[in-house]
């Protein structure tokens, strides 16, 4: 189960926040607008990925989340599911609209760099 670990309000009146989510093994910081969450809430929605570059297949079937330089930037390694969804642990990230190379099949493990994650 994914839990809201921390909320850092950037503008409480506008309901904009940076939200840290964790599934117990991995954690991600996402931008939330409007943010109607509270710390310790469970989170079951799909995360939206933006500014995705360097999409390629990897040989090892492992999940990885690595914070990159830049505020919301991450290097992610996960399994490509139906409908252009990347799974890492319990996280599901929507890659729709990104140009996933045709040689990457469903069920493959891929690595991407993402510049922003929204919930």
C-alpha atoms as a PDB file:
ATOM      1  CA  UNK A   1       0.000   0.000   0.000  1.00  0.00           C
ATOM      2  CA  UNK A   2       1.277   3.468  -0.899  1.00  0.00           C
ATOM      3  CA  UNK A   3       1.160   5.989   1.946  1.00  0.00           C
ATOM      4  CA  UNK A   4       1.498   9.779   1.992  1.00  0.00           C
ATOM      5  CA  UNK A   5       4.659  10.239   4.057  1.00  0.00           C
ATOM      6  CA  UNK A   6       5.027  14.004   3.903  1.00  0.00           C
ATOM      7  CA  UNK A   7       3.322  17.083   2.480  1.00  0.00           C
ATOM      8  CA  UNK A   8       5.349  20.230   1.841  1.00  0.00           C
ATOM      9  CA  UNK A   9       2.968  23.049   1.004  1.00  0.00           C
ATOM     10  CA  UNK A  10       4.236  25.387  -1.707  1.00  0.00           C
ATOM     11  CA  UNK A  11       1.001  27.427  -1.627  1.00  0.00           C
ATOM     12  CA  UNK A  12      -1.626  26.286   0.861  1.00  0.00           C
ATOM     13  CA  UNK A  13      -4.292  28.715  -0.391  1.00  0.00           C
ATOM     14  CA  UNK A  14      -3.850  27.515  -3.983  1.00  0.00           C
ATOM     15  CA  UNK A  15      -3.676  23.909  -2.664  1.00  0.00           C
ATOM     16  CA  UNK A  16      -0.269  23.288  -4.309  1.00  0.00           C
ATOM     17  CA  UNK A  17       2.109  20.908  -2.567  1.00  0.00           C
ATOM     18  CA  UNK A  18       5.064  18.592  -2.932  1.00  0.00           C
ATOM     19  CA  UNK A  19       3.950  15.190  -1.693  1.00  0.00           C
ATOM     20  CA  UNK A  20       6.273  12.360  -0.686  1.00  0.00           C
ATOM     21  CA  UNK A  21       4.743   8.925  -1.290  1.00  0.00           C
ATOM     22  CA  UNK A  22       6.145   5.585  -0.093  1.00  0.00           C
ATOM     23  CA  UNK A  23       5.186   1.961  -0.637  1.00  0.00           C
ATOM     24  CA  UNK A  24       7.536   0.836   2.147  1.00  0.00           C
ATOM     25  CA  UNK A  25      10.364   0.006  -0.253  1.00  0.00           C
ATOM     26  CA  UNK A  26      10.499   3.053  -2.523  1.00  0.00           C
ATOM     27  CA  UNK A  27       9.549   6.692  -2.255  1.00  0.00           C
ATOM     28  CA  UNK A  28       8.823   9.483  -4.738  1.00  0.00           C
ATOM     29  CA  UNK A  29       8.205  13.194  -4.464  1.00  0.00           C
ATOM     30  CA  UNK A  30       5.354  14.378  -6.673  1.00  0.00           C
ATOM     31  CA  UNK A  31       3.702  17.695  -7.405  1.00  0.00           C
ATOM     32  CA  UNK A  32       0.051  17.841  -6.324  1.00  0.00           C
ATOM     33  CA  UNK A  33      -2.582  20.326  -7.438  1.00  0.00           C
ATOM     34  CA  UNK A  34      -5.089  20.473  -6.000  1.00  0.00           C
ATOM     35  CA  UNK A  35      -3.767  18.655  -2.966  1.00  0.00           C
ATOM     36  CA  UNK A  36      -6.565  17.151  -0.915  1.00  0.00           C
ATOM     37  CA  UNK A  37      -4.327  14.665   0.871  1.00  0.00           C
ATOM     38  CA  UNK A  38      -3.150  14.406   4.454  1.00  0.00           C
ATOM     39  CA  UNK A  39      -0.073  12.728   5.852  1.00  0.00           C
ATOM     40  CA  UNK A  40      -0.598   8.981   6.485  1.00  0.00           C
ATOM     41  CA  UNK A  41      -3.408   8.798   3.881  1.00  0.00           C
ATOM     42  CA  UNK A  42      -3.313   5.809   1.569  1.00  0.00           C
ATOM     43  CA  UNK A  43      -2.789   6.593  -2.115  1.00  0.00           C
ATOM     44  CA  UNK A  44      -4.049   4.326  -4.882  1.00  0.00           C
ATOM     45  CA  UNK A  45      -4.005   6.436  -8.033  1.00  0.00           C
ATOM     46  CA  UNK A  46      -1.719   6.380 -11.047  1.00  0.00           C
ATOM     47  CA  UNK A  47       1.062   8.986 -11.066  1.00  0.00           C
ATOM     48  CA  UNK A  48       1.514  11.075 -14.211  1.00  0.00           C
ATOM     49  CA  UNK A  49       5.037  11.301 -15.645  1.00  0.00           C
ATOM     50  CA  UNK A  50       6.145  14.384 -17.610  1.00  0.00           C
ATOM     51  CA  UNK A  51       9.292  15.356 -19.474  1.00  0.00           C
ATOM     52  CA  UNK A  52      10.387  11.787 -20.035  1.00  0.00           C
ATOM     53  CA  UNK A  53      13.636  11.201 -21.921  1.00  0.00           C
ATOM     54  CA  UNK A  54      16.113   8.382 -22.485  1.00  0.00           C
ATOM     55  CA  UNK A  55      13.617   5.526 -22.627  1.00  0.00           C
ATOM     56  CA  UNK A  56      15.414   2.242 -23.162  1.00  0.00           C
ATOM     57  CA  UNK A  57      15.177  -1.439 -22.337  1.00  0.00           C
ATOM     58  CA  UNK A  58      17.361  -2.915 -19.593  1.00  0.00           C
ATOM     59  CA  UNK A  59      18.445  -6.522 -19.108  1.00  0.00           C
ATOM     60  CA  UNK A  60      18.087  -6.795 -15.340  1.00  0.00           C
ATOM     61  CA  UNK A  61      14.589  -7.208 -13.947  1.00  0.00           C
ATOM     62  CA  UNK A  62      14.940  -4.879 -10.966  1.00  0.00           C
ATOM     63  CA  UNK A  63      13.042  -1.859  -9.714  1.00  0.00           C
ATOM     64  CA  UNK A  64      15.046   1.316  -9.059  1.00  0.00           C
ATOM     65  CA  UNK A  65      14.228   4.879  -8.076  1.00  0.00           C
ATOM     66  CA  UNK A  66      17.127   7.304  -8.021  1.00  0.00           C
ATOM     67  CA  UNK A  67      16.765  11.041  -7.392  1.00  0.00           C
ATOM     68  CA  UNK A  68      18.500  13.037 -10.119  1.00  0.00           C
ATOM     69  CA  UNK A  69      19.723  16.608 -10.207  1.00  0.00           C
ATOM     70  CA  UNK A  70      16.749  18.955 -10.490  1.00  0.00           C
ATOM     71  CA  UNK A  71      13.785  19.377  -8.191  1.00  0.00           C
ATOM     72  CA  UNK A  72      11.420  16.626  -9.391  1.00  0.00           C
ATOM     73  CA  UNK A  73      13.878  14.715 -11.595  1.00  0.00           C
ATOM     74  CA  UNK A  74      14.280  10.958 -11.211  1.00  0.00           C
ATOM     75  CA  UNK A  75      15.921   8.035 -12.969  1.00  0.00           C
ATOM     76  CA  UNK A  76      13.422   5.183 -12.840  1.00  0.00           C
ATOM     77  CA  UNK A  77      13.706   1.497 -13.724  1.00  0.00           C
ATOM     78  CA  UNK A  78      10.560  -0.590 -13.794  1.00  0.00           C
ATOM     79  CA  UNK A  79       8.303  -2.948 -15.697  1.00  0.00           C
ATOM     80  CA  UNK A  80       6.263  -1.700 -18.661  1.00  0.00           C
ATOM     81  CA  UNK A  81       2.618  -2.716 -18.290  1.00  0.00           C
ATOM     82  CA  UNK A  82      -0.415  -2.273 -20.529  1.00  0.00           C
ATOM     83  CA  UNK A  83      -1.474   1.232 -21.538  1.00  0.00           C
ATOM     84  CA  UNK A  84       2.033   2.669 -21.182  1.00  0.00           C
ATOM     85  CA  UNK A  85       2.159   2.246 -17.396  1.00  0.00           C
ATOM     86  CA  UNK A  86       5.525   1.843 -15.652  1.00  0.00           C
ATOM     87  CA  UNK A  87       5.408  -0.206 -12.446  1.00  0.00           C
ATOM     88  CA  UNK A  88       8.019   0.206  -9.720  1.00  0.00           C
ATOM     89  CA  UNK A  89       7.119  -1.668  -6.566  1.00  0.00           C
ATOM     90  CA  UNK A  90       3.526  -0.621  -5.918  1.00  0.00           C
ATOM     91  CA  UNK A  91       3.879   2.651  -7.846  1.00  0.00           C
ATOM     92  CA  UNK A  92       2.249   2.933 -11.269  1.00  0.00           C
ATOM     93  CA  UNK A  93       3.387   5.804 -13.483  1.00  0.00           C
ATOM     94  CA  UNK A  94       1.539   6.815 -16.644  1.00  0.00           C
ATOM     95  CA  UNK A  95       3.895   7.331 -19.596  1.00  0.00           C
ATOM     96  CA  UNK A  96       1.107   8.080 -22.104  1.00  0.00           C
ATOM     97  CA  UNK A  97       2.057  10.401 -24.891  1.00  0.00           C
ATOM     98  CA  UNK A  98       5.735   9.576 -24.594  1.00  0.00           C
ATOM     99  CA  UNK A  99       7.465   7.951 -27.532  1.00  0.00           C
ATOM    100  CA  UNK A 100       8.273   4.480 -26.234  1.00  0.00           C
ATOM    101  CA  UNK A 101      10.551   2.772 -28.774  1.00  0.00           C
ATOM    102  CA  UNK A 102       8.784   0.074 -30.793  1.00  0.00           C
ATOM    103  CA  UNK A 103      11.323  -2.594 -29.881  1.00  0.00           C
ATOM    104  CA  UNK A 104      10.219  -2.431 -26.236  1.00  0.00           C
ATOM    105  CA  UNK A 105       7.530  -5.026 -25.538  1.00  0.00           C
ATOM    106  CA  UNK A 106       4.981  -5.123 -22.716  1.00  0.00           C
ATOM    107  CA  UNK A 107       6.510  -6.809 -19.691  1.00  0.00           C
ATOM    108  CA  UNK A 108       9.989  -5.474 -20.484  1.00  0.00           C
ATOM    109  CA  UNK A 109      12.005  -3.640 -17.872  1.00  0.00           C
ATOM    110  CA  UNK A 110      12.889  -0.126 -18.966  1.00  0.00           C
ATOM    111  CA  UNK A 111      14.871   2.831 -17.684  1.00  0.00           C
ATOM    112  CA  UNK A 112      13.639   6.393 -18.062  1.00  0.00           C
ATOM    113  CA  UNK A 113      14.537   9.868 -16.869  1.00  0.00           C
ATOM    114  CA  UNK A 114      11.561  11.939 -15.804  1.00  0.00           C
ATOM    115  CA  UNK A 115      11.526  15.647 -14.992  1.00  0.00           C
ATOM    116  CA  UNK A 116       8.224  15.745 -13.097  1.00  0.00           C
ATOM    117  CA  UNK A 117       5.704  13.446 -11.457  1.00  0.00           C
ATOM    118  CA  UNK A 118       2.169  14.696 -10.755  1.00  0.00           C
ATOM    119  CA  UNK A 119      -0.678  13.323  -8.687  1.00  0.00           C
END
